[in-house]
Structure formats: structure tokens, C-alpha cells
Amino acid sequence: KAAEYVTDGSIVGVGTGSTVAFFIAALGRMKDRIEGAVSSSVKSTERLKSHGIEVEELNNVGDLPVYIDGADEVTEHGAMIKGGGGALTREKIVAAVGRKFVCIVDQTKLVPVLGRFPLPVEPELRQGFTTDNGNVILDVSGLAIEDPVALETTINQIAGVVTVGLFAHRGADVILLGAETGVRTLTPSGR
């Protein structure tokens, strides 16, 4: 379903994670219709190249019509927690450039309130784990995130924090929610 949002002849923004791996496989089947991809992680770059898709640096791309990525949690309003896999900074940068953000998740990721999944903050601390940017992750558990935009702003203002895994300022424009009965499309209000 996410492939339907890809514009022929364009560069596609591609996220990372287990759900995105399925999208990359689908993108590989239509690689002759696209110019290439911008990847938000080392793993996705490797996967894209293995499917014969040219990977461009974001700085070399003038236009990014769509960015397609998964989430660890998402609300029906498009706010997300991302970064469990450690690519949150690059994901946030590519998402900010994409004109449309399509979030692909299974139905278990849709939540009424963010916070069940630990919130990744990229400063310097998840023991034994390094992000694609060479930083570590501090996982904050036990939150009920009632105002994701305010919390994202607050955490990003803390000295030493590179970024936080809240994607509320730039949330999803479209949520493709996979279930055993098919794909349900949600379009958050205000986007």
C-alpha cells in the first residue's frame, strides 16, 4: 500500500526498521520507476543497495515528495515515538524534508496515548548501544505523553540532547495500519 504514495521518477525517502524492510522489498520491484532513494539509516542503505536501488545523499536531493517510515508507537493524530532502532536523528532530518510522511505500522503500534514504548533520547547513554550518529540512547520509561509537541520541545532544549524520538512537530501525514483483515488508512486531522 505504501508504494502507492511513491511518485514516478522521484527520489523516495526511506526510513528503517522491520516494517520498512517490507517496503524496501516492494520498492525493489518497482525500482525502474524511481530515480533513487534517500535513506535514514545504515541498515536501510545496505538493504536498498541490495535491491539495486541507487541511494542519494540528502544534501544532493532538491525535492523529496514522500518519506515512508515505521514507528514504535503512533496516535491517530500522527504523533509518534520512533528511535527504538537508534536511527532517530537521521529519521527526523529526512522526515523534515519530505513533503508527505507516510507511516507504516501494524495495528499493535496504534495507541491512544504515547508512552508505553520507552522514549528514546539521543544524548549519550544507552549502555552497549551506539546510534548511526555515534551517540548513545537514554530510554525513558513509564511516561504517559499527553502533549507530545510540548514534551518534544522541552527535551530538545536540554543541553547535550541531540534529539528525542518524539515525532510530533513533524508527525505522520498518512498512517497505513496493517491488520489481518487488510490495510486501514488514517489521515490525521490538521495535516
C-alpha atoms as a PDB file:
ATOM      1  CA  LYS A   1       0.000   0.000   0.000  1.00  0.00           C
ATOM      2  CA  ALA A   2       2.832   2.433   0.808  1.00  0.00           C
ATOM      3  CA  ALA A   3       4.180   2.049  -2.744  1.00  0.00           C
ATOM      4  CA  GLU A   4       1.041   3.822  -3.970  1.00  0.00           C
ATOM      5  CA  TYR A   5       2.432   7.051  -2.447  1.00  0.00           C
ATOM      6  CA  VAL A   6       5.663   6.868  -4.471  1.00  0.00           C
ATOM      7  CA  THR A   7       5.819   9.345  -7.352  1.00  0.00           C
ATOM      8  CA  ASP A   8       7.246   8.002 -10.616  1.00  0.00           C
ATOM      9  CA  GLY A   9      10.632   9.492 -11.485  1.00  0.00           C
ATOM     10  CA  SER A  10      11.260  10.774  -7.973  1.00  0.00           C
ATOM     11  CA  ILE A  11      13.654  10.208  -5.124  1.00  0.00           C
ATOM     12  CA  VAL A  12      11.939   8.377  -2.241  1.00  0.00           C
ATOM     13  CA  GLY A  13      12.727   8.989   1.423  1.00  0.00           C
ATOM     14  CA  VAL A  14      13.081   5.638   3.202  1.00  0.00           C
ATOM     15  CA  GLY A  15      13.125   5.031   6.955  1.00  0.00           C
ATOM     16  CA  THR A  16      14.327   1.988   8.825  1.00  0.00           C
ATOM     17  CA  GLY A  17      13.054  -0.991  10.784  1.00  0.00           C
ATOM     18  CA  SER A  18      11.324  -4.314  10.289  1.00  0.00           C
ATOM     19  CA  THR A  19       8.197  -2.909   8.614  1.00  0.00           C
ATOM     20  CA  VAL A  20      10.242  -0.693   6.306  1.00  0.00           C
ATOM     21  CA  ALA A  21      12.151  -3.807   5.174  1.00  0.00           C
ATOM     22  CA  PHE A  22       8.924  -4.997   3.529  1.00  0.00           C
ATOM     23  CA  PHE A  23       8.506  -1.589   1.857  1.00  0.00           C
ATOM     24  CA  ILE A  24      12.087  -1.710   0.547  1.00  0.00           C
ATOM     25  CA  ALA A  25      11.371  -5.121  -0.994  1.00  0.00           C
ATOM     26  CA  ALA A  26       8.301  -3.637  -2.733  1.00  0.00           C
ATOM     27  CA  LEU A  27      10.367  -0.638  -3.827  1.00  0.00           C
ATOM     28  CA  GLY A  28      12.906  -3.045  -5.313  1.00  0.00           C
ATOM     29  CA  ARG A  29      10.164  -4.480  -7.530  1.00  0.00           C
ATOM     30  CA  MET A  30       9.435  -1.004  -8.900  1.00  0.00           C
ATOM     31  CA  LYS A  31      12.992   0.385  -8.948  1.00  0.00           C
ATOM     32  CA  ASP A  32      12.792   1.208 -12.657  1.00  0.00           C
ATOM     33  CA  ARG A  33      10.025   3.724 -11.893  1.00  0.00           C
ATOM     34  CA  ILE A  34      12.067   5.790  -9.391  1.00  0.00           C
ATOM     35  CA  GLU A  35      15.246   7.819  -9.610  1.00  0.00           C
ATOM     36  CA  GLY A  36      16.589   6.513  -6.300  1.00  0.00           C
ATOM     37  CA  ALA A  37      16.215   6.847  -2.549  1.00  0.00           C
ATOM     38  CA  VAL A  38      17.442   8.808   0.447  1.00  0.00           C
ATOM     39  CA  SER A  39      17.949   6.524   3.433  1.00  0.00           C
ATOM     40  CA  SER A  40      17.706   7.382   7.114  1.00  0.00           C
ATOM     41  CA  SER A  41      19.927   4.539   8.334  1.00  0.00           C
ATOM     42  CA  VAL A  42      22.953   2.438   7.524  1.00  0.00           C
ATOM     43  CA  LYS A  43      20.838  -0.768   7.517  1.00  0.00           C
ATOM     44  CA  SER A  44      18.286   0.653   5.099  1.00  0.00           C
ATOM     45  CA  THR A  45      21.049   1.948   2.828  1.00  0.00           C
ATOM     46  CA  GLU A  46      22.530  -1.553   2.651  1.00  0.00           C
ATOM     47  CA  ARG A  47      19.091  -3.090   2.045  1.00  0.00           C
ATOM     48  CA  LEU A  48      18.231  -0.557  -0.698  1.00  0.00           C
ATOM     49  CA  LYS A  49      21.537  -1.186  -2.475  1.00  0.00           C
ATOM     50  CA  SER A  50      20.987  -4.960  -2.278  1.00  0.00           C
ATOM     51  CA  HIS A  51      17.760  -4.394  -4.265  1.00  0.00           C
ATOM     52  CA  GLY A  52      19.660  -2.392  -6.889  1.00  0.00           C
ATOM     53  CA  ILE A  53      18.280   0.979  -5.781  1.00  0.00           C
ATOM     54  CA  GLU A  54      20.626   3.955  -6.019  1.00  0.00           C
ATOM     55  CA  VAL A  55      20.993   5.741  -2.677  1.00  0.00           C
ATOM     56  CA  GLU A  56      21.488   9.517  -2.756  1.00  0.00           C
ATOM     57  CA  GLU A  57      22.774  11.815  -0.023  1.00  0.00           C
ATOM     58  CA  LEU A  58      20.046  14.136   1.250  1.00  0.00           C
ATOM     59  CA  ASN A  59      22.260  17.172   0.515  1.00  0.00           C
ATOM     60  CA  ASN A  60      22.237  16.235  -3.192  1.00  0.00           C
ATOM     61  CA  VAL A  61      18.448  15.997  -3.466  1.00  0.00           C
ATOM     62  CA  GLY A  62      16.363  19.017  -4.398  1.00  0.00           C
ATOM     63  CA  ASP A  63      12.931  17.538  -3.732  1.00  0.00           C
ATOM     64  CA  LEU A  64      11.632  14.667  -1.627  1.00  0.00           C
ATOM     65  CA  PRO A  65       7.919  14.129  -2.379  1.00  0.00           C
ATOM     66  CA  VAL A  66       7.449  11.336   0.174  1.00  0.00           C
ATOM     67  CA  TYR A  67       9.158   9.847   3.222  1.00  0.00           C
ATOM     68  CA  ILE A  68       7.988   6.372   4.260  1.00  0.00           C
ATOM     69  CA  ASP A  69       8.899   5.004   7.677  1.00  0.00           C
ATOM     70  CA  GLY A  70       7.560   2.933  10.552  1.00  0.00           C
ATOM     71  CA  ALA A  71       7.094   3.842  14.204  1.00  0.00           C
ATOM     72  CA  ASP A  72       7.369   2.240  17.614  1.00  0.00           C
ATOM     73  CA  GLU A  73       4.056   3.884  18.593  1.00  0.00           C
ATOM     74  CA  VAL A  74       1.664   6.194  16.761  1.00  0.00           C
ATOM     75  CA  THR A  75      -1.527   8.013  17.719  1.00  0.00           C
ATOM     76  CA  GLU A  76      -4.442   8.564  15.372  1.00  0.00           C
ATOM     77  CA  HIS A  77      -3.311  12.222  15.302  1.00  0.00           C
ATOM     78  CA  GLY A  78       0.021  11.273  13.679  1.00  0.00           C
ATOM     79  CA  ALA A  79       2.313  11.840  16.673  1.00  0.00           C
ATOM     80  CA  MET A  80       4.861   9.047  17.010  1.00  0.00           C
ATOM     81  CA  ILE A  81       7.588   7.566  19.140  1.00  0.00           C
ATOM     82  CA  LYS A  82      10.454   6.448  16.921  1.00  0.00           C
ATOM     83  CA  GLY A  83      14.064   5.568  17.527  1.00  0.00           C
ATOM     84  CA  GLY A  84      13.982   2.136  19.126  1.00  0.00           C
ATOM     85  CA  GLY A  85      16.443   1.082  16.423  1.00  0.00           C
ATOM     86  CA  GLY A  86      18.708   4.082  17.034  1.00  0.00           C
ATOM     87  CA  ALA A  87      18.241   5.961  13.743  1.00  0.00           C
ATOM     88  CA  LEU A  88      16.044   8.733  15.187  1.00  0.00           C
ATOM     89  CA  THR A  89      18.242  11.717  14.309  1.00  0.00           C
ATOM     90  CA  ARG A  90      18.579  10.797  10.644  1.00  0.00           C
ATOM     91  CA  GLU A  91      14.904   9.784  10.515  1.00  0.00           C
ATOM     92  CA  LYS A  92      13.905  13.176  11.912  1.00  0.00           C
ATOM     93  CA  ILE A  93      16.056  15.026   9.365  1.00  0.00           C
ATOM     94  CA  VAL A  94      14.686  13.120   6.351  1.00  0.00           C
ATOM     95  CA  ALA A  95      11.108  13.378   7.680  1.00  0.00           C
ATOM     96  CA  ALA A  96      11.507  17.159   7.925  1.00  0.00           C
ATOM     97  CA  VAL A  97      12.451  17.363   4.235  1.00  0.00           C
ATOM     98  CA  GLY A  98       9.742  15.031   2.906  1.00  0.00           C
ATOM     99  CA  ARG A  99       6.628  16.821   1.638  1.00  0.00           C
ATOM    100  CA  LYS A 100       4.475  13.878   2.793  1.00  0.00           C
ATOM    101  CA  PHE A 101       5.270  11.481   5.664  1.00  0.00           C
ATOM    102  CA  VAL A 102       3.637   8.071   5.315  1.00  0.00           C
ATOM    103  CA  CYS A 103       3.877   5.991   8.476  1.00  0.00           C
ATOM    104  CA  ILE A 104       3.584   2.227   8.017  1.00  0.00           C
ATOM    105  CA  VAL A 105       2.810   0.159  11.117  1.00  0.00           C
ATOM    106  CA  ASP A 106       0.825  -2.865  12.186  1.00  0.00           C
ATOM    107  CA  GLN A 107      -2.275  -2.382  14.308  1.00  0.00           C
ATOM    108  CA  THR A 108      -0.417  -3.108  17.573  1.00  0.00           C
ATOM    109  CA  LYS A 109       1.514   0.192  17.214  1.00  0.00           C
ATOM    110  CA  LEU A 110      -1.620   2.388  17.279  1.00  0.00           C
ATOM    111  CA  VAL A 111      -2.086   3.775  20.807  1.00  0.00           C
ATOM    112  CA  PRO A 112      -4.422   6.373  22.338  1.00  0.00           C
ATOM    113  CA  VAL A 113      -1.574   7.952  24.363  1.00  0.00           C
ATOM    114  CA  LEU A 114       2.152   7.715  23.610  1.00  0.00           C
ATOM    115  CA  GLY A 115       4.463   6.368  26.304  1.00  0.00           C
ATOM    116  CA  ARG A 116       4.003   2.611  26.554  1.00  0.00           C
ATOM    117  CA  PHE A 117       7.169   2.262  24.427  1.00  0.00           C
ATOM    118  CA  PRO A 118      10.260   3.772  26.127  1.00  0.00           C
ATOM    119  CA  LEU A 119      11.034   7.224  24.713  1.00  0.00           C
ATOM    120  CA  PRO A 120      14.491   7.269  23.077  1.00  0.00           C
ATOM    121  CA  VAL A 121      16.533  10.418  23.730  1.00  0.00           C
ATOM    122  CA  GLU A 122      19.803  10.673  21.818  1.00  0.00           C
ATOM    123  CA  PRO A 123      22.355  12.243  24.169  1.00  0.00           C
ATOM    124  CA  GLU A 124      24.983   9.823  25.422  1.00  0.00           C
ATOM    125  CA  LEU A 125      23.797   6.826  27.495  1.00  0.00           C
ATOM    126  CA  ARG A 126      22.149   3.544  26.276  1.00  0.00           C
ATOM    127  CA  GLN A 127      24.773   1.066  27.538  1.00  0.00           C
ATOM    128  CA  GLY A 128      26.410  -1.020  24.837  1.00  0.00           C
ATOM    129  CA  PHE A 129      24.451   0.678  22.021  1.00  0.00           C
ATOM    130  CA  THR A 130      25.615   3.327  19.580  1.00  0.00           C
ATOM    131  CA  THR A 131      23.350   5.175  17.119  1.00  0.00           C
ATOM    132  CA  ASP A 132      24.200   5.684  13.455  1.00  0.00           C
ATOM    133  CA  ASN A 133      25.494   9.119  14.530  1.00  0.00           C
ATOM    134  CA  GLY A 134      27.893   7.629  17.114  1.00  0.00           C
ATOM    135  CA  ASN A 135      25.839   8.647  20.146  1.00  0.00           C
ATOM    136  CA  VAL A 136      24.121   6.556  22.778  1.00  0.00           C
ATOM    137  CA  ILE A 137      20.449   6.387  23.783  1.00  0.00           C
ATOM    138  CA  LEU A 138      18.798   7.110  27.125  1.00  0.00           C
ATOM    139  CA  ASP A 139      15.462   5.216  27.229  1.00  0.00           C
ATOM    140  CA  VAL A 140      12.871   6.943  29.412  1.00  0.00           C
ATOM    141  CA  SER A 141      10.121   4.568  30.598  1.00  0.00           C
ATOM    142  CA  GLY A 142       6.849   4.965  32.441  1.00  0.00           C
ATOM    143  CA  LEU A 143       5.585   8.036  30.593  1.00  0.00           C
ATOM    144  CA  ALA A 144       2.031   8.975  29.586  1.00  0.00           C
ATOM    145  CA  ILE A 145       2.680  11.594  26.930  1.00  0.00           C
ATOM    146  CA  GLU A 146      -0.468  13.727  26.855  1.00  0.00           C
ATOM    147  CA  ASP A 147       1.128  16.657  24.973  1.00  0.00           C
ATOM    148  CA  PRO A 148       3.735  15.211  22.570  1.00  0.00           C
ATOM    149  CA  VAL A 149       4.531  18.566  20.928  1.00  0.00           C
ATOM    150  CA  ALA A 150       5.353  20.259  24.250  1.00  0.00           C
ATOM    151  CA  LEU A 151       7.438  17.328  25.500  1.00  0.00           C
ATOM    152  CA  GLU A 152       9.378  17.125  22.228  1.00  0.00           C
ATOM    153  CA  THR A 153      10.199  20.838  22.508  1.00  0.00           C
ATOM    154  CA  THR A 154      11.189  20.557  26.184  1.00  0.00           C
ATOM    155  CA  ILE A 155      13.507  17.567  25.732  1.00  0.00           C
ATOM    156  CA  ASN A 156      15.137  19.017  22.615  1.00  0.00           C
ATOM    157  CA  GLN A 157      16.061  22.107  24.672  1.00  0.00           C
ATOM    158  CA  ILE A 158      18.077  20.095  27.237  1.00  0.00           C
ATOM    159  CA  ALA A 159      21.819  20.711  26.876  1.00  0.00           C
ATOM    160  CA  GLY A 160      23.589  17.672  25.427  1.00  0.00           C
ATOM    161  CA  VAL A 161      20.486  16.159  23.825  1.00  0.00           C
ATOM    162  CA  VAL A 162      20.928  15.596  20.106  1.00  0.00           C
ATOM    163  CA  THR A 163      17.238  14.778  19.572  1.00  0.00           C
ATOM    164  CA  VAL A 164      14.320  12.866  21.021  1.00  0.00           C
ATOM    165  CA  GLY A 165      12.328  10.064  19.427  1.00  0.00           C
ATOM    166  CA  LEU A 166       9.072  12.035  19.572  1.00  0.00           C
ATOM    167  CA  PHE A 167       7.847  12.913  16.093  1.00  0.00           C
ATOM    168  CA  ALA A 168       5.065  15.346  17.000  1.00  0.00           C
ATOM    169  CA  HIS A 169       6.140  18.642  15.407  1.00  0.00           C
ATOM    170  CA  ARG A 170       6.564  16.672  12.171  1.00  0.00           C
ATOM    171  CA  GLY A 171       4.146  13.792  12.612  1.00  0.00           C
ATOM    172  CA  ALA A 172       2.710  11.447  10.020  1.00  0.00           C
ATOM    173  CA  ASP A 173       0.519  12.811   7.226  1.00  0.00           C
ATOM    174  CA  VAL A 174      -0.815   9.326   6.485  1.00  0.00           C
ATOM    175  CA  ILE A 175      -0.846   6.209   8.676  1.00  0.00           C
ATOM    176  CA  LEU A 176      -1.125   2.847   6.929  1.00  0.00           C
ATOM    177  CA  LEU A 177      -2.281   0.460   9.639  1.00  0.00           C
ATOM    178  CA  GLY A 178      -1.745  -3.188   8.734  1.00  0.00           C
ATOM    179  CA  ALA A 179      -4.103  -5.798  10.151  1.00  0.00           C
ATOM    180  CA  GLU A 180      -5.032  -9.365   9.311  1.00  0.00           C
ATOM    181  CA  THR A 181      -8.128  -8.008   7.554  1.00  0.00           C
ATOM    182  CA  GLY A 182      -6.140  -5.609   5.331  1.00  0.00           C
ATOM    183  CA  VAL A 183      -4.734  -2.097   5.452  1.00  0.00           C
ATOM    184  CA  ARG A 184      -6.633   0.743   7.129  1.00  0.00           C
ATOM    185  CA  THR A 185      -5.645   4.282   6.088  1.00  0.00           C
ATOM    186  CA  LEU A 186      -5.743   7.032   8.709  1.00  0.00           C
ATOM    187  CA  THR A 187      -5.237  10.694   7.828  1.00  0.00           C
ATOM    188  CA  PRO A 188      -4.588  12.705  10.998  1.00  0.00           C
ATOM    189  CA  SER A 189      -6.620  15.879  11.241  1.00  0.00           C
ATOM    190  CA  GLY A 190      -4.762  19.110  10.706  1.00  0.00           C
ATOM    191  CA  ARG A 191      -2.183  17.590   8.348  1.00  0.00           C
END
